[in-house]
Structures are given as structure tokens and as C-alpha cells.
């Protein structure tokens, strides 16, 4: 069973995926912050050697 917060986060994800942006920037290098990479636009962020969670860099 999903809690309400999870549904709200999914709603934010869906909104990000529908929008077009000039630049999508992940400034934290975390999996949680990589969620923003669902948005459409030029993606910038850490490489795998610099990110705090290297798997997050693969989402860019």
C-alpha cells in the first residue's frame, strides 16, 4: 500500500516529465535529486567519479 506522500511524489514526477526546460541541473549528485532528470531539457550534473551517489550520474 502506498502512502499519500508517495502519490504526491509520483505526481511531481509526472509533472516534471510533461514539462520542457532549457536546462535541467542536478546540483547534489544523489539518487533522490536525480529525480529531476525526468524533466525534458539539456541535462547537467556530476559525472560518476564526482557524484556522491555514482549511480545517480547514470541517470543524466
PDB file of N, CA and C in Angstrom:
ATOM      1  N   UNK A   1       0.844  -1.178   0.000  1.00  0.00           N
ATOM      2  CA  UNK A   1       0.000   0.000   0.000  1.00  0.00           C
ATOM      3  C   UNK A   1       0.887   1.239   0.000  1.00  0.00           C
ATOM      4  N   UNK A   2       0.596   2.196  -0.886  1.00  0.00           N
ATOM      5  CA  UNK A   2       1.379   3.411  -0.987  1.00  0.00           C
ATOM      6  C   UNK A   2       0.794   4.494  -0.105  1.00  0.00           C
ATOM      7  N   UNK A   3       1.663   5.230   0.552  1.00  0.00           N
ATOM      8  CA  UNK A   3       1.181   6.324   1.398  1.00  0.00           C
ATOM      9  C   UNK A   3       0.902   7.557   0.539  1.00  0.00           C
ATOM     10  N   UNK A   4       0.230   8.508   1.092  1.00  0.00           N
ATOM     11  CA  UNK A   4      -0.144   9.720   0.360  1.00  0.00           C
ATOM     12  C   UNK A   4       1.076  10.470  -0.143  1.00  0.00           C
ATOM     13  N   UNK A   5       2.127  10.543   0.663  1.00  0.00           N
ATOM     14  CA  UNK A   5       3.336  11.251   0.258  1.00  0.00           C
ATOM     15  C   UNK A   5       3.919  10.625  -1.015  1.00  0.00           C
ATOM     16  N   UNK A   6       3.901   9.305  -1.097  1.00  0.00           N
ATOM     17  CA  UNK A   6       4.411   8.627  -2.285  1.00  0.00           C
ATOM     18  C   UNK A   6       3.605   9.034  -3.512  1.00  0.00           C
ATOM     19  N   UNK A   7       2.298   9.097  -3.395  1.00  0.00           N
ATOM     20  CA  UNK A   7       1.459   9.507  -4.515  1.00  0.00           C
ATOM     21  C   UNK A   7       1.752  10.938  -4.917  1.00  0.00           C
ATOM     22  N   UNK A   8       1.979  11.806  -3.938  1.00  0.00           N
ATOM     23  CA  UNK A   8       2.301  13.197  -4.243  1.00  0.00           C
ATOM     24  C   UNK A   8       3.630  13.288  -4.982  1.00  0.00           C
ATOM     25  N   UNK A   9       4.624  12.491  -4.570  1.00  0.00           N
ATOM     26  CA  UNK A   9       5.920  12.491  -5.240  1.00  0.00           C
ATOM     27  C   UNK A   9       5.763  11.993  -6.675  1.00  0.00           C
ATOM     28  N   UNK A  10       4.931  10.986  -6.880  1.00  0.00           N
ATOM     29  CA  UNK A  10       4.691  10.490  -8.226  1.00  0.00           C
ATOM     30  C   UNK A  10       4.018  11.564  -9.073  1.00  0.00           C
ATOM     31  N   UNK A  11       3.165  12.337  -8.476  1.00  0.00           N
ATOM     32  CA  UNK A  11       2.505  13.422  -9.184  1.00  0.00           C
ATOM     33  C   UNK A  11       3.537  14.455  -9.632  1.00  0.00           C
ATOM     34  N   UNK A  12       4.483  14.785  -8.772  1.00  0.00           N
ATOM     35  CA  UNK A  12       5.557  15.717  -9.119  1.00  0.00           C
ATOM     36  C   UNK A  12       6.376  15.135 -10.260  1.00  0.00           C
ATOM     37  N   UNK A  13       6.681  13.850 -10.215  1.00  0.00           N
ATOM     38  CA  UNK A  13       7.431  13.192 -11.278  1.00  0.00           C
ATOM     39  C   UNK A  13       6.704  13.312 -12.610  1.00  0.00           C
ATOM     40  N   UNK A  14       5.414  13.084 -12.590  1.00  0.00           N
ATOM     41  CA  UNK A  14       4.626  13.179 -13.819  1.00  0.00           C
ATOM     42  C   UNK A  14       4.630  14.599 -14.363  1.00  0.00           C
ATOM     43  N   UNK A  15       4.539  15.583 -13.483  1.00  0.00           N
ATOM     44  CA  UNK A  15       4.571  16.981 -13.921  1.00  0.00           C
ATOM     45  C   UNK A  15       5.921  17.320 -14.535  1.00  0.00           C
ATOM     46  N   UNK A  16       6.994  16.852 -13.919  1.00  0.00           N
ATOM     47  CA  UNK A  16       8.334  17.106 -14.469  1.00  0.00           C
ATOM     48  C   UNK A  16       8.479  16.491 -15.852  1.00  0.00           C
ATOM     49  N   UNK A  17       7.960  15.302 -16.023  1.00  0.00           N
ATOM     50  CA  UNK A  17       8.097  14.600 -17.298  1.00  0.00           C
ATOM     51  C   UNK A  17       7.306  15.286 -18.412  1.00  0.00           C
ATOM     52  N   UNK A  18       6.276  16.034 -18.071  1.00  0.00           N
ATOM     53  CA  UNK A  18       5.460  16.711 -19.088  1.00  0.00           C
ATOM     54  C   UNK A  18       6.020  18.065 -19.504  1.00  0.00           C
ATOM     55  N   UNK A  19       6.874  18.647 -18.694  1.00  0.00           N
ATOM     56  CA  UNK A  19       7.400  19.990 -18.959  1.00  0.00           C
ATOM     57  C   UNK A  19       8.651  19.934 -19.832  1.00  0.00           C
ATOM     58  N   UNK A  20       8.918  21.024 -20.554  1.00  0.00           N
ATOM     59  CA  UNK A  20      10.162  21.199 -21.296  1.00  0.00           C
ATOM     60  C   UNK A  20      10.920  22.360 -20.667  1.00  0.00           C
ATOM     61  N   UNK A  21      12.204  22.126 -20.379  1.00  0.00           N
ATOM     62  CA  UNK A  21      13.033  23.131 -19.737  1.00  0.00           C
ATOM     63  C   UNK A  21      14.265  23.404 -20.595  1.00  0.00           C
ATOM     64  N   UNK A  22      14.812  24.597 -20.486  1.00  0.00           N
ATOM     65  CA  UNK A  22      16.039  24.922 -21.205  1.00  0.00           C
ATOM     66  C   UNK A  22      17.219  24.146 -20.631  1.00  0.00           C
ATOM     67  N   UNK A  23      17.243  23.989 -19.311  1.00  0.00           N
ATOM     68  CA  UNK A  23      18.357  23.322 -18.639  1.00  0.00           C
ATOM     69  C   UNK A  23      17.836  22.571 -17.422  1.00  0.00           C
ATOM     70  N   UNK A  24      18.284  21.335 -17.255  1.00  0.00           N
ATOM     71  CA  UNK A  24      17.926  20.518 -16.094  1.00  0.00           C
ATOM     72  C   UNK A  24      19.227  20.259 -15.350  1.00  0.00           C
ATOM     73  N   UNK A  25      19.341  20.757 -14.118  1.00  0.00           N
ATOM     74  CA  UNK A  25      20.599  20.726 -13.377  1.00  0.00           C
ATOM     75  C   UNK A  25      20.448  19.967 -12.069  1.00  0.00           C
ATOM     76  N   UNK A  26      21.229  18.904 -11.905  1.00  0.00           N
ATOM     77  CA  UNK A  26      21.274  18.160 -10.643  1.00  0.00           C
ATOM     78  C   UNK A  26      22.492  18.662  -9.879  1.00  0.00           C
ATOM     79  N   UNK A  27      22.263  19.387  -8.804  1.00  0.00           N
ATOM     80  CA  UNK A  27      23.365  20.006  -8.062  1.00  0.00           C
ATOM     81  C   UNK A  27      23.830  19.182  -6.871  1.00  0.00           C
ATOM     82  N   UNK A  28      23.174  18.032  -6.598  1.00  0.00           N
ATOM     83  CA  UNK A  28      23.533  17.262  -5.421  1.00  0.00           C
ATOM     84  C   UNK A  28      24.206  15.937  -5.733  1.00  0.00           C
ATOM     85  N   UNK A  29      23.944  15.364  -6.874  1.00  0.00           N
ATOM     86  CA  UNK A  29      24.546  14.081  -7.216  1.00  0.00           C
ATOM     87  C   UNK A  29      24.010  12.921  -6.399  1.00  0.00           C
ATOM     88  N   UNK A  30      22.734  12.992  -6.016  1.00  0.00           N
ATOM     89  CA  UNK A  30      22.086  11.938  -5.236  1.00  0.00           C
ATOM     90  C   UNK A  30      20.963  11.317  -6.055  1.00  0.00           C
ATOM     91  N   UNK A  31      20.634  10.073  -5.747  1.00  0.00           N
ATOM     92  CA  UNK A  31      19.526   9.429  -6.455  1.00  0.00           C
ATOM     93  C   UNK A  31      18.242  10.226  -6.299  1.00  0.00           C
ATOM     94  N   UNK A  32      17.999  10.711  -5.098  1.00  0.00           N
ATOM     95  CA  UNK A  32      16.771  11.462  -4.839  1.00  0.00           C
ATOM     96  C   UNK A  32      16.731  12.742  -5.671  1.00  0.00           C
ATOM     97  N   UNK A  33      17.856  13.432  -5.783  1.00  0.00           N
ATOM     98  CA  UNK A  33      17.877  14.660  -6.574  1.00  0.00           C
ATOM     99  C   UNK A  33      17.899  14.367  -8.062  1.00  0.00           C
ATOM    100  N   UNK A  34      18.296  13.167  -8.452  1.00  0.00           N
ATOM    101  CA  UNK A  34      18.312  12.794  -9.869  1.00  0.00           C
ATOM    102  C   UNK A  34      16.902  12.637 -10.417  1.00  0.00           C
ATOM    103  N   UNK A  35      15.912  12.629  -9.556  1.00  0.00           N
ATOM    104  CA  UNK A  35      14.516  12.558  -9.988  1.00  0.00           C
ATOM    105  C   UNK A  35      14.203  13.679 -10.969  1.00  0.00           C
ATOM    106  N   UNK A  36      14.862  14.806 -10.791  1.00  0.00           N
ATOM    107  CA  UNK A  36      14.602  15.950 -11.668  1.00  0.00           C
ATOM    108  C   UNK A  36      15.001  15.655 -13.110  1.00  0.00           C
ATOM    109  N   UNK A  37      15.826  14.631 -13.312  1.00  0.00           N
ATOM    110  CA  UNK A  37      16.244  14.313 -14.677  1.00  0.00           C
ATOM    111  C   UNK A  37      15.114  13.722 -15.503  1.00  0.00           C
ATOM    112  N   UNK A  38      13.955  13.502 -14.903  1.00  0.00           N
ATOM    113  CA  UNK A  38      12.780  13.088 -15.670  1.00  0.00           C
ATOM    114  C   UNK A  38      12.279  14.223 -16.548  1.00  0.00           C
ATOM    115  N   UNK A  39      12.644  15.453 -16.198  1.00  0.00           N
ATOM    116  CA  UNK A  39      12.235  16.610 -16.981  1.00  0.00           C
ATOM    117  C   UNK A  39      12.979  16.611 -18.319  1.00  0.00           C
ATOM    118  N   UNK A  40      12.335  17.166 -19.326  1.00  0.00           N
ATOM    119  CA  UNK A  40      12.934  17.222 -20.655  1.00  0.00           C
ATOM    120  C   UNK A  40      13.727  18.506 -20.818  1.00  0.00           C
ATOM    121  N   UNK A  41      14.965  18.378 -21.254  1.00  0.00           N
ATOM    122  CA  UNK A  41      15.833  19.515 -21.487  1.00  0.00           C
ATOM    123  C   UNK A  41      17.276  19.058 -21.451  1.00  0.00           C
ATOM    124  N   UNK A  42      18.195  19.983 -21.683  1.00  0.00           N
ATOM    125  CA  UNK A  42      19.622  19.669 -21.605  1.00  0.00           C
ATOM    126  C   UNK A  42      19.950  19.346 -20.160  1.00  0.00           C
ATOM    127  N   UNK A  43      20.531  18.180 -19.919  1.00  0.00           N
ATOM    128  CA  UNK A  43      20.804  17.720 -18.555  1.00  0.00           C
ATOM    129  C   UNK A  43      22.269  17.948 -18.190  1.00  0.00           C
ATOM    130  N   UNK A  44      22.485  18.503 -17.004  1.00  0.00           N
ATOM    131  CA  UNK A  44      23.835  18.763 -16.495  1.00  0.00           C
ATOM    132  C   UNK A  44      23.912  18.282 -15.057  1.00  0.00           C
ATOM    133  N   UNK A  45      25.065  17.780 -14.678  1.00  0.00           N
ATOM    134  CA  UNK A  45      25.257  17.323 -13.309  1.00  0.00           C
ATOM    135  C   UNK A  45      26.613  16.672 -13.154  1.00  0.00           C
ATOM    136  N   UNK A  46      26.792  15.959 -12.080  1.00  0.00           N
ATOM    137  CA  UNK A  46      28.065  15.321 -11.768  1.00  0.00           C
ATOM    138  C   UNK A  46      28.320  14.102 -12.645  1.00  0.00           C
ATOM    139  N   UNK A  47      29.609  13.811 -12.884  1.00  0.00           N
ATOM    140  CA  UNK A  47      29.941  12.543 -13.528  1.00  0.00           C
ATOM    141  C   UNK A  47      30.035  11.479 -12.435  1.00  0.00           C
ATOM    142  N   UNK A  48      30.146  10.222 -12.830  1.00  0.00           N
ATOM    143  CA  UNK A  48      30.126   9.111 -11.861  1.00  0.00           C
ATOM    144  C   UNK A  48      31.256   9.197 -10.840  1.00  0.00           C
ATOM    145  N   UNK A  49      32.381   9.795 -11.191  1.00  0.00           N
ATOM    146  CA  UNK A  49      33.504   9.906 -10.255  1.00  0.00           C
ATOM    147  C   UNK A  49      33.319  11.025  -9.236  1.00  0.00           C
ATOM    148  N   UNK A  50      32.437  11.968  -9.528  1.00  0.00           N
ATOM    149  CA  UNK A  50      32.260  13.125  -8.656  1.00  0.00           C
ATOM    150  C   UNK A  50      30.970  13.099  -7.840  1.00  0.00           C
ATOM    151  N   UNK A  51      29.968  12.380  -8.315  1.00  0.00           N
ATOM    152  CA  UNK A  51      28.675  12.357  -7.632  1.00  0.00           C
ATOM    153  C   UNK A  51      28.786  11.653  -6.272  1.00  0.00           C
ATOM    154  N   UNK A  52      28.007  12.107  -5.325  1.00  0.00           N
ATOM    155  CA  UNK A  52      28.010  11.467  -4.005  1.00  0.00           C
ATOM    156  C   UNK A  52      27.450  10.059  -4.092  1.00  0.00           C
ATOM    157  N   UNK A  53      26.515   9.838  -4.991  1.00  0.00           N
ATOM    158  CA  UNK A  53      25.980   8.507  -5.268  1.00  0.00           C
ATOM    159  C   UNK A  53      26.198   8.270  -6.770  1.00  0.00           C
ATOM    160  N   UNK A  54      27.282   7.600  -7.134  1.00  0.00           N
ATOM    161  CA  UNK A  54      27.665   7.464  -8.540  1.00  0.00           C
ATOM    162  C   UNK A  54      26.559   6.952  -9.463  1.00  0.00           C
ATOM    163  N   UNK A  55      25.671   6.114  -8.980  1.00  0.00           N
ATOM    164  CA  UNK A  55      24.584   5.605  -9.821  1.00  0.00           C
ATOM    165  C   UNK A  55      23.689   6.748 -10.296  1.00  0.00           C
ATOM    166  N   UNK A  56      23.605   7.829  -9.526  1.00  0.00           N
ATOM    167  CA  UNK A  56      22.782   8.979  -9.907  1.00  0.00           C
ATOM    168  C   UNK A  56      23.308   9.619 -11.199  1.00  0.00           C
ATOM    169  N   UNK A  57      24.605   9.599 -11.404  1.00  0.00           N
ATOM    170  CA  UNK A  57      25.195  10.190 -12.606  1.00  0.00           C
ATOM    171  C   UNK A  57      24.743   9.455 -13.863  1.00  0.00           C
ATOM    172  N   UNK A  58      24.421   8.183 -13.742  1.00  0.00           N
ATOM    173  CA  UNK A  58      23.990   7.415 -14.910  1.00  0.00           C
ATOM    174  C   UNK A  58      22.605   7.841 -15.388  1.00  0.00           C
ATOM    175  N   UNK A  59      21.851   8.536 -14.559  1.00  0.00           N
ATOM    176  CA  UNK A  59      20.529   8.995 -14.942  1.00  0.00           C
ATOM    177  C   UNK A  59      20.566  10.258 -15.784  1.00  0.00           C
ATOM    178  N   UNK A  60      21.694  10.935 -15.775  1.00  0.00           N
ATOM    179  CA  UNK A  60      21.823  12.149 -16.588  1.00  0.00           C
ATOM    180  C   UNK A  60      22.046  11.753 -17.972  1.00  0.00           C
TER     181      UNK A  60
END
